[in-house]
């Protein structure tokens, strides 16, 4: 499912126009991005949790030249953990 299909599905389920569903989805994405950028976590009970985690710097190997060692810098990554209701729905 892509963004346009998600907007269409949201508009059907919520009984709103596609324009309103697009605004709602864009607002959700912006609020989530803002929250995660601050290093905070976001929990949606039943759906799941988004959080930010650090990944330490490490050494790796160039896939095109396995003998060449490269430095991979430290960075932040987004983690998602599915909630119990979502896990149960997937495994029906």
PDB file of N, CA and C in Angstrom:
ATOM      1  N   UNK A   1       0.857  -1.167   0.000  1.00  0.00           N
ATOM      2  CA  UNK A   1       0.000   0.000   0.000  1.00  0.00           C
ATOM      3  C   UNK A   1       0.907   1.235   0.000  1.00  0.00           C
ATOM      4  N   UNK A   2       0.600   2.178  -0.859  1.00  0.00           N
ATOM      5  CA  UNK A   2       1.355   3.433  -0.887  1.00  0.00           C
ATOM      6  C   UNK A   2       0.556   4.539  -0.193  1.00  0.00           C
ATOM      7  N   UNK A   3       1.114   5.749  -0.176  1.00  0.00           N
ATOM      8  CA  UNK A   3       0.486   6.851   0.555  1.00  0.00           C
ATOM      9  C   UNK A   3      -0.905   7.175   0.010  1.00  0.00           C
ATOM     10  N   UNK A   4      -1.050   7.210  -1.304  1.00  0.00           N
ATOM     11  CA  UNK A   4      -2.354   7.529  -1.904  1.00  0.00           C
ATOM     12  C   UNK A   4      -3.398   6.482  -1.526  1.00  0.00           C
ATOM     13  N   UNK A   5      -3.013   5.215  -1.538  1.00  0.00           N
ATOM     14  CA  UNK A   5      -3.938   4.146  -1.169  1.00  0.00           C
ATOM     15  C   UNK A   5      -4.296   4.227   0.321  1.00  0.00           C
ATOM     16  N   UNK A   6      -3.323   4.586   1.152  1.00  0.00           N
ATOM     17  CA  UNK A   6      -3.584   4.747   2.575  1.00  0.00           C
ATOM     18  C   UNK A   6      -4.554   5.895   2.824  1.00  0.00           C
ATOM     19  N   UNK A   7      -4.373   6.999   2.124  1.00  0.00           N
ATOM     20  CA  UNK A   7      -5.280   8.147   2.257  1.00  0.00           C
ATOM     21  C   UNK A   7      -6.692   7.755   1.850  1.00  0.00           C
ATOM     22  N   UNK A   8      -6.807   7.007   0.777  1.00  0.00           N
ATOM     23  CA  UNK A   8      -8.131   6.557   0.324  1.00  0.00           C
ATOM     24  C   UNK A   8      -8.787   5.654   1.370  1.00  0.00           C
ATOM     25  N   UNK A   9      -8.019   4.723   1.916  1.00  0.00           N
ATOM     26  CA  UNK A   9      -8.544   3.801   2.930  1.00  0.00           C
ATOM     27  C   UNK A   9      -8.942   4.553   4.197  1.00  0.00           C
ATOM     28  N   UNK A  10      -8.114   5.530   4.606  1.00  0.00           N
ATOM     29  CA  UNK A  10      -8.444   6.340   5.787  1.00  0.00           C
ATOM     30  C   UNK A  10      -9.732   7.126   5.578  1.00  0.00           C
ATOM     31  N   UNK A  11      -9.903   7.687   4.381  1.00  0.00           N
ATOM     32  CA  UNK A  11     -11.107   8.478   4.113  1.00  0.00           C
ATOM     33  C   UNK A  11     -12.360   7.593   4.149  1.00  0.00           C
ATOM     34  N   UNK A  12     -12.252   6.360   3.652  1.00  0.00           N
ATOM     35  CA  UNK A  12     -13.383   5.432   3.685  1.00  0.00           C
ATOM     36  C   UNK A  12     -13.720   5.032   5.125  1.00  0.00           C
ATOM     37  N   UNK A  13     -12.709   4.654   5.893  1.00  0.00           N
ATOM     38  CA  UNK A  13     -12.921   4.157   7.257  1.00  0.00           C
ATOM     39  C   UNK A  13     -13.426   5.251   8.199  1.00  0.00           C
ATOM     40  N   UNK A  14     -12.937   6.489   8.015  1.00  0.00           N
ATOM     41  CA  UNK A  14     -13.302   7.578   8.927  1.00  0.00           C
ATOM     42  C   UNK A  14     -14.478   8.401   8.414  1.00  0.00           C
ATOM     43  N   UNK A  15     -14.925   8.149   7.197  1.00  0.00           N
ATOM     44  CA  UNK A  15     -16.043   8.901   6.635  1.00  0.00           C
ATOM     45  C   UNK A  15     -15.704  10.362   6.406  1.00  0.00           C
ATOM     46  N   UNK A  16     -14.502  10.617   5.919  1.00  0.00           N
ATOM     47  CA  UNK A  16     -14.075  11.988   5.639  1.00  0.00           C
ATOM     48  C   UNK A  16     -13.603  12.086   4.196  1.00  0.00           C
ATOM     49  N   UNK A  17     -13.387  13.293   3.754  1.00  0.00           N
ATOM     50  CA  UNK A  17     -12.915  13.479   2.382  1.00  0.00           C
ATOM     51  C   UNK A  17     -11.456  13.056   2.283  1.00  0.00           C
ATOM     52  N   UNK A  18     -11.016  12.804   1.059  1.00  0.00           N
ATOM     53  CA  UNK A  18      -9.617  12.444   0.847  1.00  0.00           C
ATOM     54  C   UNK A  18      -8.691  13.595   1.232  1.00  0.00           C
ATOM     55  N   UNK A  19      -9.135  14.833   0.991  1.00  0.00           N
ATOM     56  CA  UNK A  19      -8.328  15.997   1.357  1.00  0.00           C
ATOM     57  C   UNK A  19      -8.130  16.061   2.869  1.00  0.00           C
ATOM     58  N   UNK A  20      -9.196  15.785   3.633  1.00  0.00           N
ATOM     59  CA  UNK A  20      -9.088  15.792   5.090  1.00  0.00           C
ATOM     60  C   UNK A  20      -8.219  14.632   5.578  1.00  0.00           C
ATOM     61  N   UNK A  21      -8.352  13.479   4.938  1.00  0.00           N
ATOM     62  CA  UNK A  21      -7.533  12.322   5.310  1.00  0.00           C
ATOM     63  C   UNK A  21      -6.052  12.606   5.030  1.00  0.00           C
ATOM     64  N   UNK A  22      -5.766  13.293   3.919  1.00  0.00           N
ATOM     65  CA  UNK A  22      -4.381  13.649   3.586  1.00  0.00           C
ATOM     66  C   UNK A  22      -3.822  14.602   4.628  1.00  0.00           C
ATOM     67  N   UNK A  23      -4.622  15.593   5.034  1.00  0.00           N
ATOM     68  CA  UNK A  23      -4.187  16.539   6.069  1.00  0.00           C
ATOM     69  C   UNK A  23      -3.909  15.806   7.378  1.00  0.00           C
ATOM     70  N   UNK A  24      -4.775  14.872   7.738  1.00  0.00           N
ATOM     71  CA  UNK A  24      -4.610  14.118   8.977  1.00  0.00           C
ATOM     72  C   UNK A  24      -3.339  13.257   8.926  1.00  0.00           C
ATOM     73  N   UNK A  25      -3.112  12.591   7.816  1.00  0.00           N
ATOM     74  CA  UNK A  25      -1.922  11.751   7.671  1.00  0.00           C
ATOM     75  C   UNK A  25      -0.657  12.607   7.690  1.00  0.00           C
ATOM     76  N   UNK A  26      -0.661  13.722   6.967  1.00  0.00           N
ATOM     77  CA  UNK A  26       0.501  14.616   6.947  1.00  0.00           C
ATOM     78  C   UNK A  26       0.781  15.173   8.341  1.00  0.00           C
ATOM     79  N   UNK A  27      -0.270  15.497   9.090  1.00  0.00           N
ATOM     80  CA  UNK A  27      -0.103  16.005  10.453  1.00  0.00           C
ATOM     81  C   UNK A  27       0.478  14.920  11.360  1.00  0.00           C
ATOM     82  N   UNK A  28       0.015  13.679  11.200  1.00  0.00           N
ATOM     83  CA  UNK A  28       0.542  12.566  11.997  1.00  0.00           C
ATOM     84  C   UNK A  28       2.020  12.354  11.706  1.00  0.00           C
ATOM     85  N   UNK A  29       2.378  12.360  10.434  1.00  0.00           N
ATOM     86  CA  UNK A  29       3.781  12.156  10.056  1.00  0.00           C
ATOM     87  C   UNK A  29       4.652  13.289  10.605  1.00  0.00           C
ATOM     88  N   UNK A  30       4.186  14.522  10.486  1.00  0.00           N
ATOM     89  CA  UNK A  30       4.951  15.674  10.983  1.00  0.00           C
ATOM     90  C   UNK A  30       5.111  15.614  12.500  1.00  0.00           C
ATOM     91  N   UNK A  31       4.051  15.275  13.218  1.00  0.00           N
ATOM     92  CA  UNK A  31       4.118  15.192  14.677  1.00  0.00           C
ATOM     93  C   UNK A  31       5.044  14.059  15.117  1.00  0.00           C
ATOM     94  N   UNK A  32       4.997  12.937  14.422  1.00  0.00           N
ATOM     95  CA  UNK A  32       5.868  11.811  14.733  1.00  0.00           C
ATOM     96  C   UNK A  32       7.320  12.180  14.487  1.00  0.00           C
ATOM     97  N   UNK A  33       7.585  12.820  13.364  1.00  0.00           N
ATOM     98  CA  UNK A  33       8.946  13.251  13.035  1.00  0.00           C
ATOM     99  C   UNK A  33       9.473  14.225  14.085  1.00  0.00           C
ATOM    100  N   UNK A  34       8.639  15.166  14.489  1.00  0.00           N
ATOM    101  CA  UNK A  34       9.030  16.155  15.496  1.00  0.00           C
ATOM    102  C   UNK A  34       9.360  15.472  16.831  1.00  0.00           C
ATOM    103  N   UNK A  35       8.534  14.531  17.218  1.00  0.00           N
ATOM    104  CA  UNK A  35       8.724  13.795  18.465  1.00  0.00           C
ATOM    105  C   UNK A  35      10.030  13.005  18.437  1.00  0.00           C
ATOM    106  N   UNK A  36      10.267  12.263  17.366  1.00  0.00           N
ATOM    107  CA  UNK A  36      11.462  11.430  17.262  1.00  0.00           C
ATOM    108  C   UNK A  36      12.722  12.271  17.118  1.00  0.00           C
ATOM    109  N   UNK A  37      12.621  13.421  16.455  1.00  0.00           N
ATOM    110  CA  UNK A  37      13.763  14.313  16.300  1.00  0.00           C
ATOM    111  C   UNK A  37      14.245  14.814  17.655  1.00  0.00           C
ATOM    112  N   UNK A  38      13.311  15.008  18.578  1.00  0.00           N
ATOM    113  CA  UNK A  38      13.661  15.454  19.926  1.00  0.00           C
ATOM    114  C   UNK A  38      14.234  14.323  20.778  1.00  0.00           C
ATOM    115  N   UNK A  39      14.224  13.101  20.255  1.00  0.00           N
ATOM    116  CA  UNK A  39      14.725  11.950  21.005  1.00  0.00           C
ATOM    117  C   UNK A  39      13.683  11.309  21.891  1.00  0.00           C
ATOM    118  N   UNK A  40      12.436  11.727  21.761  1.00  0.00           N
ATOM    119  CA  UNK A  40      11.346  11.176  22.560  1.00  0.00           C
ATOM    120  C   UNK A  40      10.800   9.915  21.880  1.00  0.00           C
ATOM    121  N   UNK A  41      10.025   9.152  22.618  1.00  0.00           N
ATOM    122  CA  UNK A  41       9.375   7.980  22.021  1.00  0.00           C
ATOM    123  C   UNK A  41       7.888   8.268  21.837  1.00  0.00           C
ATOM    124  N   UNK A  42       7.262   7.501  20.965  1.00  0.00           N
ATOM    125  CA  UNK A  42       5.836   7.648  20.670  1.00  0.00           C
ATOM    126  C   UNK A  42       5.179   6.297  20.841  1.00  0.00           C
ATOM    127  N   UNK A  43       4.185   6.218  21.709  1.00  0.00           N
ATOM    128  CA  UNK A  43       3.482   4.958  21.951  1.00  0.00           C
ATOM    129  C   UNK A  43       2.024   5.095  21.548  1.00  0.00           C
ATOM    130  N   UNK A  44       1.577   4.184  20.722  1.00  0.00           N
ATOM    131  CA  UNK A  44       0.174   4.094  20.326  1.00  0.00           C
ATOM    132  C   UNK A  44      -0.327   2.750  20.847  1.00  0.00           C
ATOM    133  N   UNK A  45      -1.037   2.773  21.961  1.00  0.00           N
ATOM    134  CA  UNK A  45      -1.467   1.547  22.628  1.00  0.00           C
ATOM    135  C   UNK A  45      -2.208   0.642  21.641  1.00  0.00           C
ATOM    136  N   UNK A  46      -1.782  -0.595  21.587  1.00  0.00           N
ATOM    137  CA  UNK A  46      -2.383  -1.576  20.693  1.00  0.00           C
ATOM    138  C   UNK A  46      -1.722  -1.634  19.331  1.00  0.00           C
ATOM    139  N   UNK A  47      -1.178  -0.506  18.859  1.00  0.00           N
ATOM    140  CA  UNK A  47      -0.539  -0.475  17.544  1.00  0.00           C
ATOM    141  C   UNK A  47       0.952  -0.719  17.665  1.00  0.00           C
ATOM    142  N   UNK A  48       1.644   0.103  18.463  1.00  0.00           N
ATOM    143  CA  UNK A  48       3.076  -0.077  18.633  1.00  0.00           C
ATOM    144  C   UNK A  48       3.753   1.167  19.154  1.00  0.00           C
ATOM    145  N   UNK A  49       5.070   1.084  19.246  1.00  0.00           N
ATOM    146  CA  UNK A  49       5.873   2.182  19.770  1.00  0.00           C
ATOM    147  C   UNK A  49       7.015   2.493  18.822  1.00  0.00           C
ATOM    148  N   UNK A  50       7.266   3.793  18.644  1.00  0.00           N
ATOM    149  CA  UNK A  50       8.401   4.272  17.877  1.00  0.00           C
ATOM    150  C   UNK A  50       9.398   4.859  18.858  1.00  0.00           C
ATOM    151  N   UNK A  51      10.676   4.632  18.633  1.00  0.00           N
ATOM    152  CA  UNK A  51      11.689   5.197  19.502  1.00  0.00           C
ATOM    153  C   UNK A  51      12.974   5.434  18.731  1.00  0.00           C
ATOM    154  N   UNK A  52      13.884   6.167  19.347  1.00  0.00           N
ATOM    155  CA  UNK A  52      15.179   6.456  18.736  1.00  0.00           C
ATOM    156  C   UNK A  52      16.240   5.741  19.550  1.00  0.00           C
ATOM    157  N   UNK A  53      17.147   5.090  18.860  1.00  0.00           N
ATOM    158  CA  UNK A  53      18.219   4.358  19.505  1.00  0.00           C
ATOM    159  C   UNK A  53      19.530   4.740  18.842  1.00  0.00           C
ATOM    160  N   UNK A  54      20.614   4.637  19.583  1.00  0.00           N
ATOM    161  CA  UNK A  54      21.921   4.956  19.020  1.00  0.00           C
ATOM    162  C   UNK A  54      22.620   3.716  18.509  1.00  0.00           C
ATOM    163  N   UNK A  55      23.347   3.881  17.451  1.00  0.00           N
ATOM    164  CA  UNK A  55      24.158   2.798  16.905  1.00  0.00           C
ATOM    165  C   UNK A  55      25.606   3.277  16.968  1.00  0.00           C
ATOM    166  N   UNK A  56      26.459   2.525  17.620  1.00  0.00           N
ATOM    167  CA  UNK A  56      27.852   2.922  17.828  1.00  0.00           C
ATOM    168  C   UNK A  56      28.642   2.887  16.517  1.00  0.00           C
ATOM    169  N   UNK A  57      29.719   3.661  16.480  1.00  0.00           N
ATOM    170  CA  UNK A  57      30.621   3.628  15.329  1.00  0.00           C
ATOM    171  C   UNK A  57      31.290   2.254  15.288  1.00  0.00           C
ATOM    172  N   UNK A  58      31.580   1.790  14.090  1.00  0.00           N
ATOM    173  CA  UNK A  58      32.208   0.477  13.955  1.00  0.00           C
ATOM    174  C   UNK A  58      32.994   0.403  12.661  1.00  0.00           C
ATOM    175  N   UNK A  59      33.738  -0.637  12.515  1.00  0.00           N
ATOM    176  CA  UNK A  59      34.496  -0.867  11.293  1.00  0.00           C
ATOM    177  C   UNK A  59      33.747  -1.906  10.465  1.00  0.00           C
ATOM    178  N   UNK A  60      33.756  -1.727   9.166  1.00  0.00           N
ATOM    179  CA  UNK A  60      33.102  -2.655   8.263  1.00  0.00           C
ATOM    180  C   UNK A  60      33.994  -2.931   7.071  1.00  0.00           C
ATOM    181  N   UNK A  61      33.489  -3.684   6.135  1.00  0.00           N
ATOM    182  CA  UNK A  61      34.242  -4.020   4.924  1.00  0.00           C
ATOM    183  C   UNK A  61      33.495  -3.521   3.703  1.00  0.00           C
ATOM    184  N   UNK A  62      34.235  -3.006   2.755  1.00  0.00           N
ATOM    185  CA  UNK A  62      33.678  -2.538   1.493  1.00  0.00           C
ATOM    186  C   UNK A  62      33.167  -3.760   0.722  1.00  0.00           C
ATOM    187  N   UNK A  63      31.891  -3.818   0.347  1.00  0.00           N
ATOM    188  CA  UNK A  63      31.358  -4.987  -0.364  1.00  0.00           C
ATOM    189  C   UNK A  63      32.034  -5.227  -1.716  1.00  0.00           C
ATOM    190  N   UNK A  64      32.519  -4.160  -2.352  1.00  0.00           N
ATOM    191  CA  UNK A  64      33.165  -4.325  -3.651  1.00  0.00           C
ATOM    192  C   UNK A  64      34.627  -4.745  -3.516  1.00  0.00           C
ATOM    193  N   UNK A  65      35.215  -4.474  -2.351  1.00  0.00           N
ATOM    194  CA  UNK A  65      36.594  -4.858  -2.091  1.00  0.00           C
ATOM    195  C   UNK A  65      36.662  -5.319  -0.636  1.00  0.00           C
ATOM    196  N   UNK A  66      36.365  -6.592  -0.360  1.00  0.00           N
ATOM    197  CA  UNK A  66      36.253  -7.078   1.019  1.00  0.00           C
ATOM    198  C   UNK A  66      37.503  -6.874   1.870  1.00  0.00           C
ATOM    199  N   UNK A  67      38.659  -6.707   1.257  1.00  0.00           N
ATOM    200  CA  UNK A  67      39.880  -6.507   2.031  1.00  0.00           C
ATOM    201  C   UNK A  67      39.991  -5.077   2.556  1.00  0.00           C
ATOM    202  N   UNK A  68      39.238  -4.157   1.971  1.00  0.00           N
ATOM    203  CA  UNK A  68      39.293  -2.752   2.385  1.00  0.00           C
ATOM    204  C   UNK A  68      38.391  -2.543   3.597  1.00  0.00           C
ATOM    205  N   UNK A  69      38.984  -2.076   4.689  1.00  0.00           N
ATOM    206  CA  UNK A  69      38.241  -1.789   5.917  1.00  0.00           C
ATOM    207  C   UNK A  69      37.788  -0.336   5.856  1.00  0.00           C
ATOM    208  N   UNK A  70      36.511  -0.111   6.193  1.00  0.00           N
ATOM    209  CA  UNK A  70      35.977   1.251   6.198  1.00  0.00           C
ATOM    210  C   UNK A  70      35.422   1.562   7.580  1.00  0.00           C
ATOM    211  N   UNK A  71      35.411   2.840   7.932  1.00  0.00           N
ATOM    212  CA  UNK A  71      34.844   3.282   9.197  1.00  0.00           C
ATOM    213  C   UNK A  71      33.382   3.664   8.968  1.00  0.00           C
ATOM    214  N   UNK A  72      32.509   3.089   9.761  1.00  0.00           N
ATOM    215  CA  UNK A  72      31.090   3.405   9.698  1.00  0.00           C
ATOM    216  C   UNK A  72      30.789   4.285  10.908  1.00  0.00           C
ATOM    217  N   UNK A  73      30.343   5.525  10.685  1.00  0.00           N
ATOM    218  CA  UNK A  73      30.144   6.460  11.807  1.00  0.00           C
ATOM    219  C   UNK A  73      28.942   6.086  12.685  1.00  0.00           C
ATOM    220  N   UNK A  74      28.972   6.596  13.915  1.00  0.00           N
ATOM    221  CA  UNK A  74      27.836   6.418  14.822  1.00  0.00           C
ATOM    222  C   UNK A  74      26.641   7.176  14.268  1.00  0.00           C
ATOM    223  N   UNK A  75      25.447   6.677  14.568  1.00  0.00           N
ATOM    224  CA  UNK A  75      24.240   7.340  14.081  1.00  0.00           C
ATOM    225  C   UNK A  75      23.041   6.941  14.909  1.00  0.00           C
ATOM    226  N   UNK A  76      21.971   7.669  14.731  1.00  0.00           N
ATOM    227  CA  UNK A  76      20.716   7.358  15.403  1.00  0.00           C
ATOM    228  C   UNK A  76      19.834   6.594  14.426  1.00  0.00           C
ATOM    229  N   UNK A  77      19.083   5.634  14.949  1.00  0.00           N
ATOM    230  CA  UNK A  77      18.173   4.851  14.120  1.00  0.00           C
ATOM    231  C   UNK A  77      16.798   4.828  14.772  1.00  0.00           C
ATOM    232  N   UNK A  78      15.779   4.664  13.969  1.00  0.00           N
ATOM    233  CA  UNK A  78      14.410   4.587  14.457  1.00  0.00           C
ATOM    234  C   UNK A  78      14.054   3.118  14.663  1.00  0.00           C
ATOM    235  N   UNK A  79      13.480   2.839  15.812  1.00  0.00           N
ATOM    236  CA  UNK A  79      13.043   1.482  16.133  1.00  0.00           C
ATOM    237  C   UNK A  79      11.520   1.472  16.234  1.00  0.00           C
ATOM    238  N   UNK A  80      10.903   0.400  15.751  1.00  0.00           N
ATOM    239  CA  UNK A  80       9.458   0.220  15.893  1.00  0.00           C
ATOM    240  C   UNK A  80       9.222  -1.122  16.557  1.00  0.00           C
ATOM    241  N   UNK A  81       8.384  -1.119  17.562  1.00  0.00           N
ATOM    242  CA  UNK A  81       8.003  -2.339  18.243  1.00  0.00           C
ATOM    243  C   UNK A  81       6.488  -2.468  18.149  1.00  0.00           C
ATOM    244  N   UNK A  82       6.029  -3.538  17.524  1.00  0.00           N
ATOM    245  CA  UNK A  82       4.586  -3.734  17.334  1.00  0.00           C
ATOM    246  C   UNK A  82       3.898  -4.024  18.662  1.00  0.00           C
ATOM    247  N   UNK A  83       2.691  -3.501  18.810  1.00  0.00           N
ATOM    248  CA  UNK A  83       1.887  -3.720  20.005  1.00  0.00           C
ATOM    249  C   UNK A  83       1.172  -5.061  19.977  1.00  0.00           C
ATOM    250  N   UNK A  84       0.631  -5.462  21.103  1.00  0.00           N
ATOM    251  CA  UNK A  84      -0.017  -6.768  21.232  1.00  0.00           C
ATOM    252  C   UNK A  84      -1.200  -6.930  20.279  1.00  0.00           C
ATOM    253  N   UNK A  85      -2.033  -5.900  20.154  1.00  0.00           N
ATOM    254  CA  UNK A  85      -3.212  -6.004  19.272  1.00  0.00           C
ATOM    255  C   UNK A  85      -2.796  -6.176  17.817  1.00  0.00           C
ATOM    256  N   UNK A  86      -1.771  -5.451  17.396  1.00  0.00           N
ATOM    257  CA  UNK A  86      -1.286  -5.561  16.014  1.00  0.00           C
ATOM    258  C   UNK A  86      -0.700  -6.956  15.771  1.00  0.00           C
ATOM    259  N   UNK A  87       0.083  -7.439  16.701  1.00  0.00           N
ATOM    260  CA  UNK A  87       0.664  -8.791  16.570  1.00  0.00           C
ATOM    261  C   UNK A  87      -0.432  -9.840  16.475  1.00  0.00           C
ATOM    262  N   UNK A  88      -1.459  -9.691  17.309  1.00  0.00           N
ATOM    263  CA  UNK A  88      -2.567 -10.663  17.303  1.00  0.00           C
ATOM    264  C   UNK A  88      -3.314 -10.607  15.970  1.00  0.00           C
ATOM    265  N   UNK A  89      -3.548  -9.407  15.436  1.00  0.00           N
ATOM    266  CA  UNK A  89      -4.267  -9.261  14.169  1.00  0.00           C
ATOM    267  C   UNK A  89      -3.484  -9.875  13.008  1.00  0.00           C
ATOM    268  N   UNK A  90      -2.167  -9.730  13.031  1.00  0.00           N
ATOM    269  CA  UNK A  90      -1.326 -10.270  11.966  1.00  0.00           C
ATOM    270  C   UNK A  90      -1.314 -11.792  11.979  1.00  0.00           C
ATOM    271  N   UNK A  91      -1.388 -12.378  13.172  1.00  0.00           N
ATOM    272  CA  UNK A  91      -1.259 -13.838  13.326  1.00  0.00           C
ATOM    273  C   UNK A  91      -2.586 -14.563  13.398  1.00  0.00           C
ATOM    274  N   UNK A  92      -3.681 -13.957  12.918  1.00  0.00           N
ATOM    275  CA  UNK A  92      -4.984 -14.649  12.917  1.00  0.00           C
ATOM    276  C   UNK A  92      -4.979 -15.782  11.944  1.00  0.00           C
TER     277      UNK A  92
END
